């Protein structure tokens, strides 16, 4: 394990959580977008997106086995990465608004499947995770600075 291994892990988590916050803000910005993409000549509403995270290499169980069976501190964990940004497949909301330009014959408009409350909960979760990783990064930096002071 290198001296900067913990900082590299934390930096990957910071990057992943920042992307997660960007996707959430995109969802919130498009909460009323009824014309996001053209499919077969018809406009489709915006479809909610979510970020899927995974370990950079290997699975947690393999790292746990290495940590439990090894007396040396090998490379345990290599951070996190975004594996994909996927679209939510839940159905669109139907809202009765016969005056809307995108209303169907019955007067219903397909609205995006974005729930602002859910997005705010996800945003708070991503923010808290980001803040926790900043704390870890600062703690690692502080330990390294104290180690340098020992050599004086």
N, C-alpha and C. Protein backbone atom coordinates (compact mmCIF):
# COMPACT_ATOMS: atom_id res chain seq x y z
N UNK A 1 0.85 -1.17 0.00
CA UNK A 1 0.00 0.00 0.00
C UNK A 1 0.90 1.23 0.00
N UNK A 2 0.65 2.13 -0.93
CA UNK A 2 1.46 3.34 -1.01
C UNK A 2 0.96 4.36 -0.01
N UNK A 3 1.77 5.38 0.17
CA UNK A 3 1.41 6.43 1.12
C UNK A 3 0.15 7.18 0.68
N UNK A 4 -0.06 7.28 -0.61
CA UNK A 4 -1.18 8.05 -1.13
C UNK A 4 -2.38 7.19 -1.51
N UNK A 5 -2.35 5.90 -1.15
CA UNK A 5 -3.43 4.99 -1.53
C UNK A 5 -4.78 5.45 -0.98
N UNK A 6 -4.82 5.85 0.29
CA UNK A 6 -6.09 6.29 0.87
C UNK A 6 -6.60 7.56 0.19
N UNK A 7 -5.69 8.45 -0.17
CA UNK A 7 -6.10 9.68 -0.86
C UNK A 7 -6.65 9.37 -2.26
N UNK A 8 -6.04 8.41 -2.95
CA UNK A 8 -6.53 8.03 -4.28
C UNK A 8 -7.92 7.40 -4.19
N UNK A 9 -8.13 6.54 -3.17
CA UNK A 9 -9.46 5.94 -2.97
C UNK A 9 -10.49 7.02 -2.69
N UNK A 10 -10.15 7.94 -1.82
CA UNK A 10 -11.08 9.00 -1.46
C UNK A 10 -11.35 9.92 -2.65
N UNK A 11 -10.34 10.20 -3.44
CA UNK A 11 -10.52 11.04 -4.63
C UNK A 11 -11.48 10.39 -5.62
N UNK A 12 -11.40 9.06 -5.78
CA UNK A 12 -12.32 8.39 -6.69
C UNK A 12 -13.76 8.49 -6.17
N UNK A 13 -13.93 8.40 -4.85
CA UNK A 13 -15.26 8.53 -4.26
C UNK A 13 -15.80 9.95 -4.43
N UNK A 14 -14.93 10.94 -4.28
CA UNK A 14 -15.35 12.33 -4.47
C UNK A 14 -15.82 12.56 -5.90
N UNK A 15 -15.09 12.02 -6.85
CA UNK A 15 -15.46 12.16 -8.27
C UNK A 15 -16.79 11.48 -8.55
N UNK A 16 -16.99 10.28 -8.01
CA UNK A 16 -18.23 9.54 -8.24
C UNK A 16 -19.42 10.27 -7.63
N UNK A 17 -19.26 10.80 -6.42
CA UNK A 17 -20.37 11.49 -5.77
C UNK A 17 -20.68 12.82 -6.46
N UNK A 18 -19.66 13.47 -7.00
CA UNK A 18 -19.90 14.71 -7.75
C UNK A 18 -20.72 14.42 -9.00
N UNK A 19 -20.39 13.33 -9.71
CA UNK A 19 -21.16 12.94 -10.89
C UNK A 19 -22.59 12.59 -10.50
N UNK A 20 -22.73 11.91 -9.38
CA UNK A 20 -24.07 11.56 -8.88
C UNK A 20 -24.90 12.83 -8.63
N UNK A 21 -24.27 13.85 -8.04
CA UNK A 21 -24.97 15.12 -7.81
C UNK A 21 -25.32 15.80 -9.13
N UNK A 22 -24.45 15.70 -10.13
CA UNK A 22 -24.72 16.28 -11.44
C UNK A 22 -25.94 15.62 -12.09
N UNK A 23 -26.03 14.30 -12.00
CA UNK A 23 -27.16 13.58 -12.58
C UNK A 23 -28.46 13.94 -11.86
N UNK A 24 -28.39 14.05 -10.54
CA UNK A 24 -29.57 14.44 -9.77
C UNK A 24 -30.03 15.84 -10.17
N UNK A 25 -29.09 16.76 -10.35
CA UNK A 25 -29.47 18.12 -10.74
C UNK A 25 -30.08 18.13 -12.14
N UNK A 26 -29.60 17.26 -13.02
CA UNK A 26 -30.19 17.14 -14.35
C UNK A 26 -31.63 16.62 -14.25
N UNK A 27 -31.85 15.64 -13.37
CA UNK A 27 -33.21 15.13 -13.16
C UNK A 27 -34.14 16.24 -12.67
N UNK A 28 -33.66 17.01 -11.71
CA UNK A 28 -34.49 18.10 -11.15
C UNK A 28 -34.76 19.18 -12.20
N UNK A 29 -33.78 19.46 -13.03
CA UNK A 29 -33.95 20.50 -14.05
C UNK A 29 -34.99 20.08 -15.10
N UNK A 30 -35.14 18.77 -15.30
CA UNK A 30 -36.05 18.27 -16.34
C UNK A 30 -37.34 17.70 -15.78
N UNK A 31 -37.71 18.10 -14.57
CA UNK A 31 -38.90 17.54 -13.92
C UNK A 31 -40.18 17.83 -14.71
N UNK A 32 -40.20 18.85 -15.54
CA UNK A 32 -41.38 19.20 -16.34
C UNK A 32 -41.15 19.09 -17.84
N UNK A 33 -40.06 18.46 -18.27
CA UNK A 33 -39.72 18.37 -19.69
C UNK A 33 -40.53 17.26 -20.37
N UNK A 34 -41.48 17.65 -21.18
CA UNK A 34 -42.31 16.67 -21.88
C UNK A 34 -41.78 16.32 -23.27
N UNK A 35 -40.76 17.04 -23.71
CA UNK A 35 -40.18 16.78 -25.04
C UNK A 35 -38.67 16.58 -24.93
N UNK A 36 -38.28 15.45 -24.39
CA UNK A 36 -36.85 15.19 -24.18
C UNK A 36 -36.22 14.52 -25.39
N UNK A 37 -36.91 13.54 -25.97
CA UNK A 37 -36.35 12.87 -27.15
C UNK A 37 -37.46 12.44 -28.08
N UNK A 38 -37.12 12.38 -29.34
CA UNK A 38 -38.06 12.02 -30.39
C UNK A 38 -37.95 10.52 -30.67
N UNK A 39 -39.04 9.79 -30.46
CA UNK A 39 -39.07 8.35 -30.70
C UNK A 39 -40.21 8.04 -31.67
N UNK A 40 -39.86 7.48 -32.82
CA UNK A 40 -40.85 7.13 -33.85
C UNK A 40 -41.77 8.31 -34.20
N UNK A 41 -41.21 9.48 -34.31
CA UNK A 41 -41.98 10.66 -34.69
C UNK A 41 -42.78 11.30 -33.58
N UNK A 42 -42.70 10.75 -32.36
CA UNK A 42 -43.43 11.32 -31.24
C UNK A 42 -42.46 11.69 -30.13
N UNK A 43 -42.77 12.81 -29.45
CA UNK A 43 -41.93 13.25 -28.35
C UNK A 43 -42.18 12.40 -27.11
N UNK A 44 -41.08 12.05 -26.44
CA UNK A 44 -41.16 11.32 -25.18
C UNK A 44 -40.69 12.24 -24.06
N UNK A 45 -41.30 12.12 -22.87
CA UNK A 45 -40.85 12.94 -21.74
C UNK A 45 -39.44 12.53 -21.29
N UNK A 46 -38.86 13.38 -20.51
CA UNK A 46 -37.54 13.09 -19.93
C UNK A 46 -37.66 11.85 -19.05
N UNK A 47 -36.68 10.99 -19.12
CA UNK A 47 -36.66 9.78 -18.30
C UNK A 47 -35.59 9.93 -17.22
N UNK A 48 -35.98 9.70 -15.98
CA UNK A 48 -35.08 9.84 -14.84
C UNK A 48 -33.84 8.97 -15.03
N UNK A 49 -32.70 9.51 -14.64
CA UNK A 49 -31.44 8.77 -14.74
C UNK A 49 -30.86 8.56 -13.34
N UNK A 50 -30.12 7.47 -13.18
CA UNK A 50 -29.45 7.21 -11.91
C UNK A 50 -28.06 6.65 -12.18
N UNK A 51 -27.17 6.88 -11.22
CA UNK A 51 -25.77 6.47 -11.34
C UNK A 51 -25.58 5.13 -10.66
N UNK A 52 -24.87 4.23 -11.32
CA UNK A 52 -24.55 2.92 -10.75
C UNK A 52 -23.06 2.90 -10.44
N UNK A 53 -22.72 2.67 -9.17
CA UNK A 53 -21.33 2.65 -8.72
C UNK A 53 -20.88 1.22 -8.47
N UNK A 54 -19.59 0.98 -8.64
CA UNK A 54 -19.02 -0.33 -8.34
C UNK A 54 -17.56 -0.14 -7.95
N UNK A 55 -16.98 -1.14 -7.27
CA UNK A 55 -15.55 -1.04 -6.93
C UNK A 55 -14.71 -0.98 -8.20
N UNK A 56 -13.57 -0.28 -8.13
CA UNK A 56 -12.72 -0.18 -9.31
C UNK A 56 -12.22 -1.55 -9.76
N UNK A 57 -11.78 -2.37 -8.82
CA UNK A 57 -11.28 -3.71 -9.17
C UNK A 57 -11.71 -4.69 -8.11
N UNK A 58 -12.18 -5.84 -8.56
CA UNK A 58 -12.52 -6.91 -7.61
C UNK A 58 -13.81 -6.64 -6.86
N UNK A 59 -14.12 -7.55 -5.98
CA UNK A 59 -15.31 -7.47 -5.16
C UNK A 59 -14.91 -7.29 -3.70
N UNK A 60 -15.82 -6.79 -2.90
CA UNK A 60 -15.54 -6.55 -1.49
C UNK A 60 -15.14 -7.84 -0.78
N UNK A 61 -15.82 -8.94 -1.10
CA UNK A 61 -15.53 -10.20 -0.41
C UNK A 61 -14.09 -10.66 -0.65
N UNK A 62 -13.56 -10.44 -1.85
CA UNK A 62 -12.17 -10.84 -2.11
C UNK A 62 -11.20 -9.97 -1.31
N UNK A 63 -11.49 -8.69 -1.17
CA UNK A 63 -10.64 -7.82 -0.37
C UNK A 63 -10.72 -8.19 1.11
N UNK A 64 -11.91 -8.58 1.55
CA UNK A 64 -12.09 -8.98 2.94
C UNK A 64 -11.27 -10.25 3.23
N UNK A 65 -11.30 -11.19 2.30
CA UNK A 65 -10.52 -12.42 2.47
C UNK A 65 -9.02 -12.11 2.54
N UNK A 66 -8.55 -11.22 1.69
CA UNK A 66 -7.14 -10.85 1.69
C UNK A 66 -6.79 -10.20 3.03
N UNK A 67 -7.65 -9.33 3.52
CA UNK A 67 -7.38 -8.63 4.77
C UNK A 67 -7.40 -9.58 5.95
N UNK A 68 -8.28 -10.56 5.94
CA UNK A 68 -8.39 -11.49 7.07
C UNK A 68 -7.28 -12.53 7.07
N UNK A 69 -6.83 -12.96 5.89
CA UNK A 69 -5.83 -14.03 5.79
C UNK A 69 -4.41 -13.53 5.69
N UNK A 70 -4.23 -12.24 5.57
CA UNK A 70 -2.89 -11.70 5.34
C UNK A 70 -2.41 -10.96 6.59
N UNK A 71 -1.14 -11.18 6.91
CA UNK A 71 -0.56 -10.43 8.02
C UNK A 71 -0.04 -9.08 7.54
N UNK A 72 0.22 -8.96 6.25
CA UNK A 72 0.68 -7.67 5.71
C UNK A 72 -0.52 -6.88 5.21
N UNK A 73 -0.35 -5.59 5.16
CA UNK A 73 -1.42 -4.74 4.64
C UNK A 73 -1.24 -4.57 3.14
N UNK A 74 -1.80 -5.51 2.38
CA UNK A 74 -1.72 -5.43 0.93
C UNK A 74 -2.65 -4.37 0.40
N UNK A 75 -2.81 -4.35 -0.89
CA UNK A 75 -3.71 -3.39 -1.51
C UNK A 75 -5.15 -3.78 -1.21
N UNK A 76 -5.74 -3.18 -0.21
CA UNK A 76 -7.11 -3.48 0.15
C UNK A 76 -7.98 -2.36 -0.38
N UNK A 77 -8.72 -2.64 -1.42
CA UNK A 77 -9.59 -1.64 -2.01
C UNK A 77 -8.85 -0.73 -2.97
N UNK A 78 -9.50 -0.38 -4.03
CA UNK A 78 -8.90 0.50 -5.03
C UNK A 78 -9.82 1.63 -5.42
N UNK A 79 -10.77 1.94 -4.57
CA UNK A 79 -11.67 3.05 -4.86
C UNK A 79 -12.95 2.59 -5.52
N UNK A 80 -13.64 3.57 -6.08
CA UNK A 80 -14.94 3.34 -6.69
C UNK A 80 -14.96 3.95 -8.08
N UNK A 81 -15.80 3.42 -8.94
CA UNK A 81 -15.97 3.99 -10.27
C UNK A 81 -17.45 3.93 -10.66
N UNK A 82 -17.81 4.77 -11.59
CA UNK A 82 -19.17 4.77 -12.13
C UNK A 82 -19.20 3.74 -13.24
N UNK A 83 -20.03 2.71 -13.06
CA UNK A 83 -20.09 1.68 -14.10
C UNK A 83 -21.03 2.08 -15.23
N UNK A 84 -22.12 2.79 -14.90
CA UNK A 84 -23.02 3.27 -15.94
C UNK A 84 -24.01 4.27 -15.36
N UNK A 85 -24.62 5.00 -16.25
CA UNK A 85 -25.74 5.87 -15.90
C UNK A 85 -26.94 5.28 -16.62
N UNK A 86 -27.89 4.78 -15.83
CA UNK A 86 -29.02 4.09 -16.45
C UNK A 86 -30.31 4.89 -16.31
N UNK A 87 -31.22 4.64 -17.24
CA UNK A 87 -32.52 5.31 -17.22
C UNK A 87 -33.49 4.50 -16.38
N UNK A 88 -34.31 5.19 -15.61
CA UNK A 88 -35.33 4.57 -14.78
C UNK A 88 -36.47 4.12 -15.70
N UNK A 89 -36.89 2.87 -15.56
CA UNK A 89 -37.92 2.31 -16.44
C UNK A 89 -39.34 2.43 -15.87
N UNK A 90 -39.51 3.15 -14.77
CA UNK A 90 -40.86 3.32 -14.25
C UNK A 90 -41.69 4.11 -15.25
N UNK A 91 -43.01 3.84 -15.29
CA UNK A 91 -43.85 4.52 -16.29
C UNK A 91 -43.95 6.02 -16.03
N UNK A 92 -44.22 6.74 -17.09
CA UNK A 92 -44.40 8.18 -16.98
C UNK A 92 -45.71 8.48 -16.24
N UNK A 93 -45.76 9.66 -15.62
CA UNK A 93 -46.98 10.09 -14.93
C UNK A 93 -47.95 10.67 -15.96
N UNK A 94 -49.23 10.36 -15.79
CA UNK A 94 -50.25 10.96 -16.63
C UNK A 94 -50.95 12.05 -15.85
N UNK A 95 -50.95 13.26 -16.40
CA UNK A 95 -51.55 14.41 -15.76
C UNK A 95 -52.63 14.95 -16.69
N UNK A 96 -53.81 15.19 -16.15
CA UNK A 96 -54.91 15.74 -16.94
C UNK A 96 -54.71 17.23 -17.14
N UNK A 97 -54.45 17.61 -18.40
CA UNK A 97 -54.27 19.02 -18.76
C UNK A 97 -54.59 19.16 -20.25
N UNK A 98 -55.88 19.28 -20.59
CA UNK A 98 -56.26 19.32 -22.01
C UNK A 98 -55.71 20.53 -22.77
N UNK A 99 -55.29 21.57 -22.06
CA UNK A 99 -54.76 22.77 -22.72
C UNK A 99 -53.28 22.64 -23.08
N UNK A 100 -52.61 21.63 -22.54
CA UNK A 100 -51.17 21.44 -22.80
C UNK A 100 -50.96 21.04 -24.26
N UNK A 101 -49.93 21.56 -24.91
CA UNK A 101 -49.69 21.22 -26.32
C UNK A 101 -49.37 19.74 -26.55
N UNK A 102 -48.91 19.03 -25.54
CA UNK A 102 -48.57 17.62 -25.71
C UNK A 102 -49.66 16.69 -25.19
N UNK A 103 -50.85 17.21 -24.92
CA UNK A 103 -51.94 16.37 -24.42
C UNK A 103 -52.44 15.43 -25.52
N UNK A 104 -52.83 14.22 -25.08
CA UNK A 104 -53.39 13.27 -26.05
C UNK A 104 -54.87 13.56 -26.27
N UNK A 105 -55.57 12.66 -26.98
CA UNK A 105 -56.98 12.89 -27.32
C UNK A 105 -57.87 13.00 -26.08
N UNK A 106 -57.51 12.29 -25.00
CA UNK A 106 -58.30 12.32 -23.77
C UNK A 106 -57.93 13.51 -22.88
N UNK A 107 -56.91 14.26 -23.23
CA UNK A 107 -56.51 15.42 -22.45
C UNK A 107 -55.41 15.14 -21.44
N UNK A 108 -54.78 13.96 -21.51
CA UNK A 108 -53.72 13.61 -20.57
C UNK A 108 -52.35 13.86 -21.19
N UNK A 109 -51.44 14.32 -20.34
CA UNK A 109 -50.06 14.61 -20.76
C UNK A 109 -49.14 13.65 -20.03
N UNK A 110 -48.22 13.04 -20.77
CA UNK A 110 -47.20 12.20 -20.14
C UNK A 110 -46.12 13.11 -19.57
N UNK A 111 -45.91 13.00 -18.26
CA UNK A 111 -44.90 13.80 -17.58
C UNK A 111 -43.73 12.90 -17.20
N UNK A 112 -42.53 13.47 -17.01
CA UNK A 112 -41.36 12.67 -16.63
C UNK A 112 -41.60 11.87 -15.35
N UNK A 113 -40.87 10.77 -15.22
CA UNK A 113 -40.98 9.90 -14.03
C UNK A 113 -40.04 10.36 -12.92
N UNK A 114 -39.82 11.65 -12.83
CA UNK A 114 -38.94 12.24 -11.82
C UNK A 114 -39.78 12.66 -10.62
N UNK A 115 -39.41 12.16 -9.44
CA UNK A 115 -40.07 12.54 -8.19
C UNK A 115 -39.13 13.49 -7.44
N UNK A 116 -39.50 14.77 -7.33
CA UNK A 116 -38.61 15.74 -6.67
C UNK A 116 -38.22 15.35 -5.25
N UNK A 117 -39.13 14.73 -4.52
CA UNK A 117 -38.82 14.31 -3.15
C UNK A 117 -37.72 13.25 -3.14
N UNK A 118 -37.85 12.28 -4.02
CA UNK A 118 -36.83 11.22 -4.13
C UNK A 118 -35.48 11.81 -4.53
N UNK A 119 -35.52 12.76 -5.45
CA UNK A 119 -34.28 13.40 -5.91
C UNK A 119 -33.61 14.16 -4.77
N UNK A 120 -34.40 14.83 -3.94
CA UNK A 120 -33.82 15.57 -2.82
C UNK A 120 -33.20 14.62 -1.79
N UNK A 121 -33.85 13.48 -1.55
CA UNK A 121 -33.27 12.49 -0.64
C UNK A 121 -31.96 11.96 -1.20
N UNK A 122 -31.94 11.66 -2.50
CA UNK A 122 -30.70 11.19 -3.14
C UNK A 122 -29.62 12.27 -3.08
N UNK A 123 -30.01 13.52 -3.27
CA UNK A 123 -29.04 14.62 -3.23
C UNK A 123 -28.45 14.77 -1.83
N UNK A 124 -29.28 14.66 -0.80
CA UNK A 124 -28.77 14.74 0.57
C UNK A 124 -27.81 13.59 0.84
N UNK A 125 -28.16 12.40 0.37
CA UNK A 125 -27.28 11.23 0.55
C UNK A 125 -25.94 11.43 -0.15
N UNK A 126 -25.97 11.91 -1.39
CA UNK A 126 -24.73 12.15 -2.13
C UNK A 126 -23.90 13.24 -1.47
N UNK A 127 -24.55 14.28 -0.98
CA UNK A 127 -23.85 15.37 -0.32
C UNK A 127 -23.17 14.89 0.95
N UNK A 128 -23.88 14.09 1.75
CA UNK A 128 -23.31 13.57 3.00
C UNK A 128 -22.12 12.64 2.70
N UNK A 129 -22.24 11.84 1.68
CA UNK A 129 -21.14 10.96 1.31
C UNK A 129 -19.94 11.78 0.84
N UNK A 130 -20.19 12.82 0.07
CA UNK A 130 -19.12 13.70 -0.39
C UNK A 130 -18.42 14.35 0.80
N UNK A 131 -19.21 14.86 1.75
CA UNK A 131 -18.64 15.50 2.94
C UNK A 131 -17.82 14.51 3.76
N UNK A 132 -18.30 13.28 3.89
CA UNK A 132 -17.56 12.26 4.65
C UNK A 132 -16.23 11.96 3.97
N UNK A 133 -16.22 11.90 2.65
CA UNK A 133 -14.97 11.63 1.94
C UNK A 133 -14.00 12.80 2.03
N UNK A 134 -14.51 14.03 2.08
CA UNK A 134 -13.64 15.19 2.29
C UNK A 134 -12.99 15.09 3.67
N UNK A 135 -13.76 14.66 4.67
CA UNK A 135 -13.22 14.49 6.01
C UNK A 135 -12.12 13.44 6.03
N UNK A 136 -12.35 12.33 5.34
CA UNK A 136 -11.32 11.27 5.27
C UNK A 136 -10.07 11.80 4.58
N UNK A 137 -10.26 12.54 3.49
CA UNK A 137 -9.12 13.09 2.76
C UNK A 137 -8.31 14.03 3.66
N UNK A 138 -9.00 14.90 4.39
CA UNK A 138 -8.30 15.83 5.28
C UNK A 138 -7.61 15.11 6.43
N UNK A 139 -8.21 14.03 6.93
CA UNK A 139 -7.57 13.26 8.00
C UNK A 139 -6.30 12.59 7.48
N UNK A 140 -6.35 12.04 6.28
CA UNK A 140 -5.15 11.43 5.68
C UNK A 140 -4.05 12.47 5.49
N UNK A 141 -4.45 13.62 5.00
CA UNK A 141 -3.48 14.70 4.80
C UNK A 141 -2.87 15.12 6.13
N UNK A 142 -3.69 15.22 7.17
CA UNK A 142 -3.19 15.60 8.49
C UNK A 142 -2.21 14.58 9.05
N UNK A 143 -2.51 13.28 8.86
CA UNK A 143 -1.58 12.24 9.33
C UNK A 143 -0.25 12.32 8.60
N UNK A 144 -0.31 12.59 7.31
CA UNK A 144 0.94 12.69 6.54
C UNK A 144 1.75 13.90 7.00
N UNK A 145 1.08 14.99 7.28
CA UNK A 145 1.79 16.18 7.75
C UNK A 145 2.44 15.92 9.11
N UNK A 146 1.75 15.23 10.00
CA UNK A 146 2.32 14.89 11.31
C UNK A 146 3.50 13.95 11.16
N UNK A 147 3.43 13.03 10.21
CA UNK A 147 4.55 12.11 9.97
C UNK A 147 5.76 12.88 9.48
N UNK A 148 5.55 13.89 8.67
CA UNK A 148 6.68 14.71 8.19
C UNK A 148 7.30 15.51 9.34
N UNK A 149 6.46 15.93 10.29
CA UNK A 149 6.97 16.70 11.43
C UNK A 149 7.84 15.83 12.35
N UNK A 150 7.60 14.53 12.39
CA UNK A 150 8.38 13.63 13.22
C UNK A 150 9.84 13.63 12.78
N UNK A 151 10.06 13.76 11.49
CA UNK A 151 11.42 13.72 10.95
C UNK A 151 12.23 14.97 11.22
N UNK A 152 11.64 16.01 11.78
CA UNK A 152 12.38 17.26 12.01
C UNK A 152 13.38 17.12 13.11
